[in-house]
Amino acid sequence: MISLNGQKNLSVKVGEIMEYRGQVQESVGYFLSFDISDTSVVNMVSRDTEYAYPERMSAGMTGADEAVQVYRFKALSPGGTDIVFTLDFRGDIESREVVLVQVQP
């Protein structure tokens, strides 16, 4: 698995899987999103949530949704695309990370 975190430019081969991990807590107002400029080159294949306190989530406790959002992407075809990851806090952009992915055959 290839990490996208902290990358600016990344070269991968068709078929390789990349992963981005970001902190979220939607009950407080932290949301993570992404945008891919060319989904024929790279596309998301899975999204998972790893809760910091799963026992509190299952008990329904307020504010217990602190988590790491995990996005996985697959390189589909040769070419280049940008993936932009945005962390919003209550509607304001808190951070933005842009990764240029070059996919080789």
C-alpha atoms as a PDB file:
ATOM      1  CA  MET A   1       0.000   0.000   0.000  1.00  0.00           C
ATOM      2  CA  ILE A   2       1.396   3.385  -1.010  1.00  0.00           C
ATOM      3  CA  SER A   3       0.721   6.328   1.320  1.00  0.00           C
ATOM      4  CA  LEU A   4      -0.537   9.577  -0.212  1.00  0.00           C
ATOM      5  CA  ASN A   5      -0.072  11.485   3.056  1.00  0.00           C
ATOM      6  CA  GLY A   6       2.613  14.155   2.768  1.00  0.00           C
ATOM      7  CA  GLN A   7       3.201  13.489  -0.935  1.00  0.00           C
ATOM      8  CA  LYS A   8       3.289  16.250  -3.542  1.00  0.00           C
ATOM      9  CA  ASN A   9       4.207  14.171  -6.598  1.00  0.00           C
ATOM     10  CA  LEU A  10       3.858  10.427  -6.793  1.00  0.00           C
ATOM     11  CA  SER A  11       4.575   7.924  -9.549  1.00  0.00           C
ATOM     12  CA  VAL A  12       2.762   4.570  -9.451  1.00  0.00           C
ATOM     13  CA  LYS A  13       2.016   1.714 -11.825  1.00  0.00           C
ATOM     14  CA  VAL A  14      -1.378   0.641 -13.162  1.00  0.00           C
ATOM     15  CA  GLY A  15      -3.056  -1.587 -10.583  1.00  0.00           C
ATOM     16  CA  GLU A  16      -1.265  -0.201  -7.531  1.00  0.00           C
ATOM     17  CA  ILE A  17      -3.295   0.840  -4.483  1.00  0.00           C
ATOM     18  CA  MET A  18      -2.750   4.135  -2.668  1.00  0.00           C
ATOM     19  CA  GLU A  19      -4.099   5.186   0.727  1.00  0.00           C
ATOM     20  CA  TYR A  20      -4.848   8.506   2.429  1.00  0.00           C
ATOM     21  CA  ARG A  21      -5.561   8.741   6.181  1.00  0.00           C
ATOM     22  CA  GLY A  22      -7.051  11.811   7.877  1.00  0.00           C
ATOM     23  CA  GLN A  23      -8.536  12.732  11.251  1.00  0.00           C
ATOM     24  CA  VAL A  24     -12.283  13.396  11.400  1.00  0.00           C
ATOM     25  CA  GLN A  25     -14.888  14.038  14.062  1.00  0.00           C
ATOM     26  CA  GLU A  26     -18.133  14.885  12.341  1.00  0.00           C
ATOM     27  CA  SER A  27     -20.105  15.552  15.545  1.00  0.00           C
ATOM     28  CA  VAL A  28     -17.696  18.421  16.288  1.00  0.00           C
ATOM     29  CA  GLY A  29     -17.548  19.659  12.700  1.00  0.00           C
ATOM     30  CA  TYR A  30     -14.403  18.067  11.219  1.00  0.00           C
ATOM     31  CA  PHE A  31     -15.083  16.584   7.771  1.00  0.00           C
ATOM     32  CA  LEU A  32     -12.591  15.170   5.258  1.00  0.00           C
ATOM     33  CA  SER A  33     -13.316  15.123   1.534  1.00  0.00           C
ATOM     34  CA  PHE A  34     -11.414  14.569  -1.690  1.00  0.00           C
ATOM     35  CA  ASP A  35     -11.680  15.425  -5.375  1.00  0.00           C
ATOM     36  CA  ILE A  36      -9.992  13.573  -8.248  1.00  0.00           C
ATOM     37  CA  SER A  37      -9.432  15.590 -11.423  1.00  0.00           C
ATOM     38  CA  ASP A  38      -9.447  12.528 -13.731  1.00  0.00           C
ATOM     39  CA  THR A  39     -11.252   9.427 -12.449  1.00  0.00           C
ATOM     40  CA  SER A  40     -10.263   7.441 -15.538  1.00  0.00           C
ATOM     41  CA  VAL A  41      -6.660   7.494 -14.232  1.00  0.00           C
ATOM     42  CA  VAL A  42      -7.272   6.994 -10.482  1.00  0.00           C
ATOM     43  CA  ASN A  43     -10.484   6.204  -8.631  1.00  0.00           C
ATOM     44  CA  MET A  44     -11.515   5.490  -5.044  1.00  0.00           C
ATOM     45  CA  VAL A  45     -12.021   1.795  -4.309  1.00  0.00           C
ATOM     46  CA  SER A  46     -12.838   1.883  -0.590  1.00  0.00           C
ATOM     47  CA  ARG A  47     -13.541   4.130   2.373  1.00  0.00           C
ATOM     48  CA  ASP A  48     -13.191   2.954   5.963  1.00  0.00           C
ATOM     49  CA  THR A  49     -13.573   4.627   9.332  1.00  0.00           C
ATOM     50  CA  GLU A  50     -11.313   3.592  12.201  1.00  0.00           C
ATOM     51  CA  TYR A  51     -12.916   4.901  15.392  1.00  0.00           C
ATOM     52  CA  ALA A  52     -10.600   5.910  18.245  1.00  0.00           C
ATOM     53  CA  TYR A  53     -13.165   4.702  20.797  1.00  0.00           C
ATOM     54  CA  PRO A  54     -15.355   2.032  19.153  1.00  0.00           C
ATOM     55  CA  GLU A  55     -16.812   0.959  22.495  1.00  0.00           C
ATOM     56  CA  ARG A  56     -18.117   4.498  23.060  1.00  0.00           C
ATOM     57  CA  MET A  57     -19.566   4.601  19.530  1.00  0.00           C
ATOM     58  CA  SER A  58     -21.452   1.345  20.055  1.00  0.00           C
ATOM     59  CA  ALA A  59     -22.803   2.726  23.345  1.00  0.00           C
ATOM     60  CA  GLY A  60     -24.104   5.792  21.471  1.00  0.00           C
ATOM     61  CA  MET A  61     -22.098   8.318  23.483  1.00  0.00           C
ATOM     62  CA  THR A  62     -22.191  11.891  22.211  1.00  0.00           C
ATOM     63  CA  GLY A  63     -18.916  13.050  20.651  1.00  0.00           C
ATOM     64  CA  ALA A  64     -17.465   9.533  20.533  1.00  0.00           C
ATOM     65  CA  ASP A  65     -16.980   9.621  16.763  1.00  0.00           C
ATOM     66  CA  GLU A  66     -13.323  10.725  16.773  1.00  0.00           C
ATOM     67  CA  ALA A  67     -11.795   8.674  13.988  1.00  0.00           C
ATOM     68  CA  VAL A  68      -9.344   8.240  11.158  1.00  0.00           C
ATOM     69  CA  GLN A  69     -10.976   8.276   7.730  1.00  0.00           C
ATOM     70  CA  VAL A  70      -9.143   5.919   5.360  1.00  0.00           C
ATOM     71  CA  TYR A  71      -9.548   6.332   1.604  1.00  0.00           C
ATOM     72  CA  ARG A  72      -8.028   3.807  -0.809  1.00  0.00           C
ATOM     73  CA  PHE A  73      -7.493   4.556  -4.484  1.00  0.00           C
ATOM     74  CA  LYS A  74      -6.508   2.379  -7.431  1.00  0.00           C
ATOM     75  CA  ALA A  75      -4.363   3.416 -10.389  1.00  0.00           C
ATOM     76  CA  LEU A  76      -6.526   2.494 -13.385  1.00  0.00           C
ATOM     77  CA  SER A  77      -4.743   3.695 -16.521  1.00  0.00           C
ATOM     78  CA  PRO A  78      -1.623   5.593 -17.596  1.00  0.00           C
ATOM     79  CA  GLY A  79      -1.788   9.360 -17.215  1.00  0.00           C
ATOM     80  CA  GLY A  80      -1.750  12.087 -14.613  1.00  0.00           C
ATOM     81  CA  THR A  81      -4.336  13.349 -12.151  1.00  0.00           C
ATOM     82  CA  ASP A  82      -4.566  15.535  -9.070  1.00  0.00           C
ATOM     83  CA  ILE A  83      -6.182  14.334  -5.873  1.00  0.00           C
ATOM     84  CA  VAL A  84      -7.149  17.182  -3.546  1.00  0.00           C
ATOM     85  CA  PHE A  85      -7.853  16.344   0.105  1.00  0.00           C
ATOM     86  CA  THR A  86      -9.712  18.987   2.114  1.00  0.00           C
ATOM     87  CA  LEU A  87     -10.272  19.078   5.866  1.00  0.00           C
ATOM     88  CA  ASP A  88     -13.212  21.320   6.752  1.00  0.00           C
ATOM     89  CA  PHE A  89     -14.070  22.572  10.211  1.00  0.00           C
ATOM     90  CA  ARG A  90     -17.644  23.801  10.468  1.00  0.00           C
ATOM     91  CA  GLY A  91     -17.707  24.895   6.838  1.00  0.00           C
ATOM     92  CA  ASP A  92     -14.285  26.568   6.756  1.00  0.00           C
ATOM     93  CA  ILE A  93     -11.285  24.991   5.059  1.00  0.00           C
ATOM     94  CA  GLU A  94      -8.762  24.103   7.739  1.00  0.00           C
ATOM     95  CA  SER A  95      -6.243  22.412   5.449  1.00  0.00           C
ATOM     96  CA  ARG A  96      -5.855  21.287   1.867  1.00  0.00           C
ATOM     97  CA  GLU A  97      -3.374  18.787   0.460  1.00  0.00           C
ATOM     98  CA  VAL A  98      -2.827  18.317  -3.292  1.00  0.00           C
ATOM     99  CA  VAL A  99      -1.117  15.204  -4.666  1.00  0.00           C
ATOM    100  CA  LEU A 100      -0.181  14.908  -8.342  1.00  0.00           C
ATOM    101  CA  VAL A 101      -0.298  11.222  -9.253  1.00  0.00           C
ATOM    102  CA  GLN A 102       1.437  10.004 -12.403  1.00  0.00           C
ATOM    103  CA  VAL A 103       0.362   6.502 -13.412  1.00  0.00           C
ATOM    104  CA  GLN A 104       2.795   4.461 -15.492  1.00  0.00           C
ATOM    105  CA  PRO A 105       1.875   1.336 -17.504  1.00  0.00           C
END
